[in-house]
Amino acid sequence: MTITYHAIFYTEGEAGGVAIENTYLITDTGCEVLTRWPYEEIMILGL
């Protein structure tokens, strides 16, 4: 089974925002990350 975590961040009254999505594969033996957003880069940029 695959699942996706999709978060959307925006500021009220602003014309833009950002959507972040991570996808995971769930198996009988565990969970594997298929995609991963580089959260560390957001923190470095100060967003």
N, C-alpha and C. Protein backbone atom coordinates (compact mmCIF):
# COMPACT_ATOMS: atom_id res chain seq x y z
N MET A 1 0.85 -1.15 0.00
CA MET A 1 0.00 0.00 0.00
C MET A 1 0.90 1.23 0.00
N THR A 2 0.50 2.27 -0.70
CA THR A 2 1.22 3.54 -0.63
C THR A 2 0.31 4.60 -0.02
N ILE A 3 0.91 5.50 0.74
CA ILE A 3 0.18 6.62 1.30
C ILE A 3 0.98 7.89 1.04
N THR A 4 0.27 9.00 0.98
CA THR A 4 0.91 10.29 0.74
C THR A 4 0.48 11.26 1.82
N TYR A 5 1.46 11.96 2.38
CA TYR A 5 1.21 13.03 3.34
C TYR A 5 1.40 14.33 2.57
N HIS A 6 0.36 15.13 2.49
CA HIS A 6 0.38 16.35 1.69
C HIS A 6 0.02 17.52 2.60
N ALA A 7 0.98 18.40 2.85
CA ALA A 7 0.75 19.58 3.70
C ALA A 7 0.79 20.84 2.84
N ILE A 8 -0.11 21.76 3.12
CA ILE A 8 -0.16 23.03 2.40
C ILE A 8 0.00 24.15 3.41
N PHE A 9 0.92 25.06 3.12
CA PHE A 9 1.17 26.21 3.98
C PHE A 9 0.90 27.48 3.19
N TYR A 10 0.14 28.38 3.77
CA TYR A 10 -0.10 29.67 3.13
C TYR A 10 -0.37 30.71 4.20
N THR A 11 -0.26 31.96 3.81
CA THR A 11 -0.52 33.07 4.72
C THR A 11 -1.80 33.76 4.27
N GLU A 12 -2.70 33.97 5.18
CA GLU A 12 -3.97 34.61 4.87
C GLU A 12 -3.72 35.96 4.20
N GLY A 13 -4.38 36.19 3.07
CA GLY A 13 -4.26 37.44 2.36
C GLY A 13 -3.13 37.50 1.36
N GLU A 14 -2.27 36.48 1.33
CA GLU A 14 -1.16 36.44 0.38
C GLU A 14 -1.58 35.64 -0.86
N ALA A 15 -0.92 35.91 -1.98
CA ALA A 15 -1.27 35.26 -3.24
C ALA A 15 -0.55 33.94 -3.45
N GLY A 16 0.28 33.51 -2.52
CA GLY A 16 1.04 32.28 -2.74
C GLY A 16 1.12 31.41 -1.51
N GLY A 17 1.81 30.32 -1.66
CA GLY A 17 2.01 29.38 -0.57
C GLY A 17 2.93 28.27 -1.03
N VAL A 18 2.97 27.19 -0.28
CA VAL A 18 3.80 26.05 -0.66
C VAL A 18 3.06 24.76 -0.28
N ALA A 19 3.19 23.77 -1.14
CA ALA A 19 2.63 22.45 -0.87
C ALA A 19 3.80 21.46 -0.77
N ILE A 20 3.80 20.65 0.27
CA ILE A 20 4.87 19.67 0.49
C ILE A 20 4.23 18.29 0.53
N GLU A 21 4.85 17.35 -0.18
CA GLU A 21 4.27 16.01 -0.24
C GLU A 21 5.36 14.96 -0.03
N ASN A 22 5.09 13.99 0.81
CA ASN A 22 5.95 12.83 1.02
C ASN A 22 5.14 11.58 0.73
N THR A 23 5.76 10.58 0.10
CA THR A 23 5.08 9.34 -0.25
C THR A 23 5.79 8.17 0.42
N TYR A 24 5.00 7.25 0.96
CA TYR A 24 5.53 6.11 1.71
C TYR A 24 4.96 4.81 1.16
N LEU A 25 5.77 3.75 1.17
CA LEU A 25 5.33 2.40 0.81
C LEU A 25 5.22 1.61 2.10
N ILE A 26 4.03 1.08 2.37
CA ILE A 26 3.78 0.28 3.57
C ILE A 26 3.73 -1.19 3.16
N THR A 27 4.56 -2.02 3.81
CA THR A 27 4.58 -3.45 3.52
C THR A 27 4.36 -4.24 4.80
N ASP A 28 4.33 -5.55 4.67
CA ASP A 28 4.18 -6.41 5.85
C ASP A 28 5.36 -6.29 6.81
N THR A 29 6.52 -5.87 6.28
CA THR A 29 7.72 -5.82 7.11
C THR A 29 8.12 -4.40 7.53
N GLY A 30 7.38 -3.39 7.10
CA GLY A 30 7.74 -2.03 7.53
C GLY A 30 7.30 -0.96 6.56
N CYS A 31 7.98 0.17 6.66
CA CYS A 31 7.64 1.36 5.88
C CYS A 31 8.89 1.86 5.17
N GLU A 32 8.75 2.24 3.90
CA GLU A 32 9.86 2.78 3.13
C GLU A 32 9.46 4.15 2.60
N VAL A 33 10.33 5.14 2.76
CA VAL A 33 10.08 6.48 2.24
C VAL A 33 10.41 6.47 0.75
N LEU A 34 9.43 6.79 -0.10
CA LEU A 34 9.66 6.83 -1.54
C LEU A 34 10.09 8.22 -2.00
N THR A 35 9.54 9.25 -1.40
CA THR A 35 9.94 10.62 -1.70
C THR A 35 10.04 11.36 -0.38
N ARG A 36 10.89 12.38 -0.34
CA ARG A 36 11.04 13.13 0.89
C ARG A 36 11.40 14.57 0.56
N TRP A 37 10.62 15.49 1.09
CA TRP A 37 10.89 16.90 0.90
C TRP A 37 12.08 17.29 1.78
N PRO A 38 13.03 18.08 1.28
CA PRO A 38 14.20 18.48 2.08
C PRO A 38 13.86 19.60 3.06
N TYR A 39 13.24 19.26 4.19
CA TYR A 39 12.81 20.25 5.17
C TYR A 39 13.96 21.11 5.67
N GLU A 40 15.15 20.53 5.73
CA GLU A 40 16.31 21.28 6.21
C GLU A 40 16.58 22.51 5.34
N GLU A 41 16.33 22.40 4.03
CA GLU A 41 16.55 23.52 3.12
C GLU A 41 15.59 24.67 3.43
N ILE A 42 14.36 24.35 3.80
CA ILE A 42 13.39 25.40 4.14
C ILE A 42 13.89 26.16 5.36
N MET A 43 14.39 25.43 6.34
CA MET A 43 14.87 26.07 7.57
C MET A 43 16.10 26.94 7.29
N ILE A 44 16.98 26.47 6.40
CA ILE A 44 18.18 27.25 6.06
C ILE A 44 17.79 28.54 5.35
N LEU A 45 16.80 28.47 4.46
CA LEU A 45 16.37 29.64 3.72
C LEU A 45 15.55 30.60 4.57
N GLY A 46 15.09 30.11 5.71
CA GLY A 46 14.30 30.96 6.60
C GLY A 46 12.85 31.09 6.21
N LEU A 47 12.36 30.16 5.43
CA LEU A 47 10.95 30.20 5.03
C LEU A 47 10.07 29.55 6.07
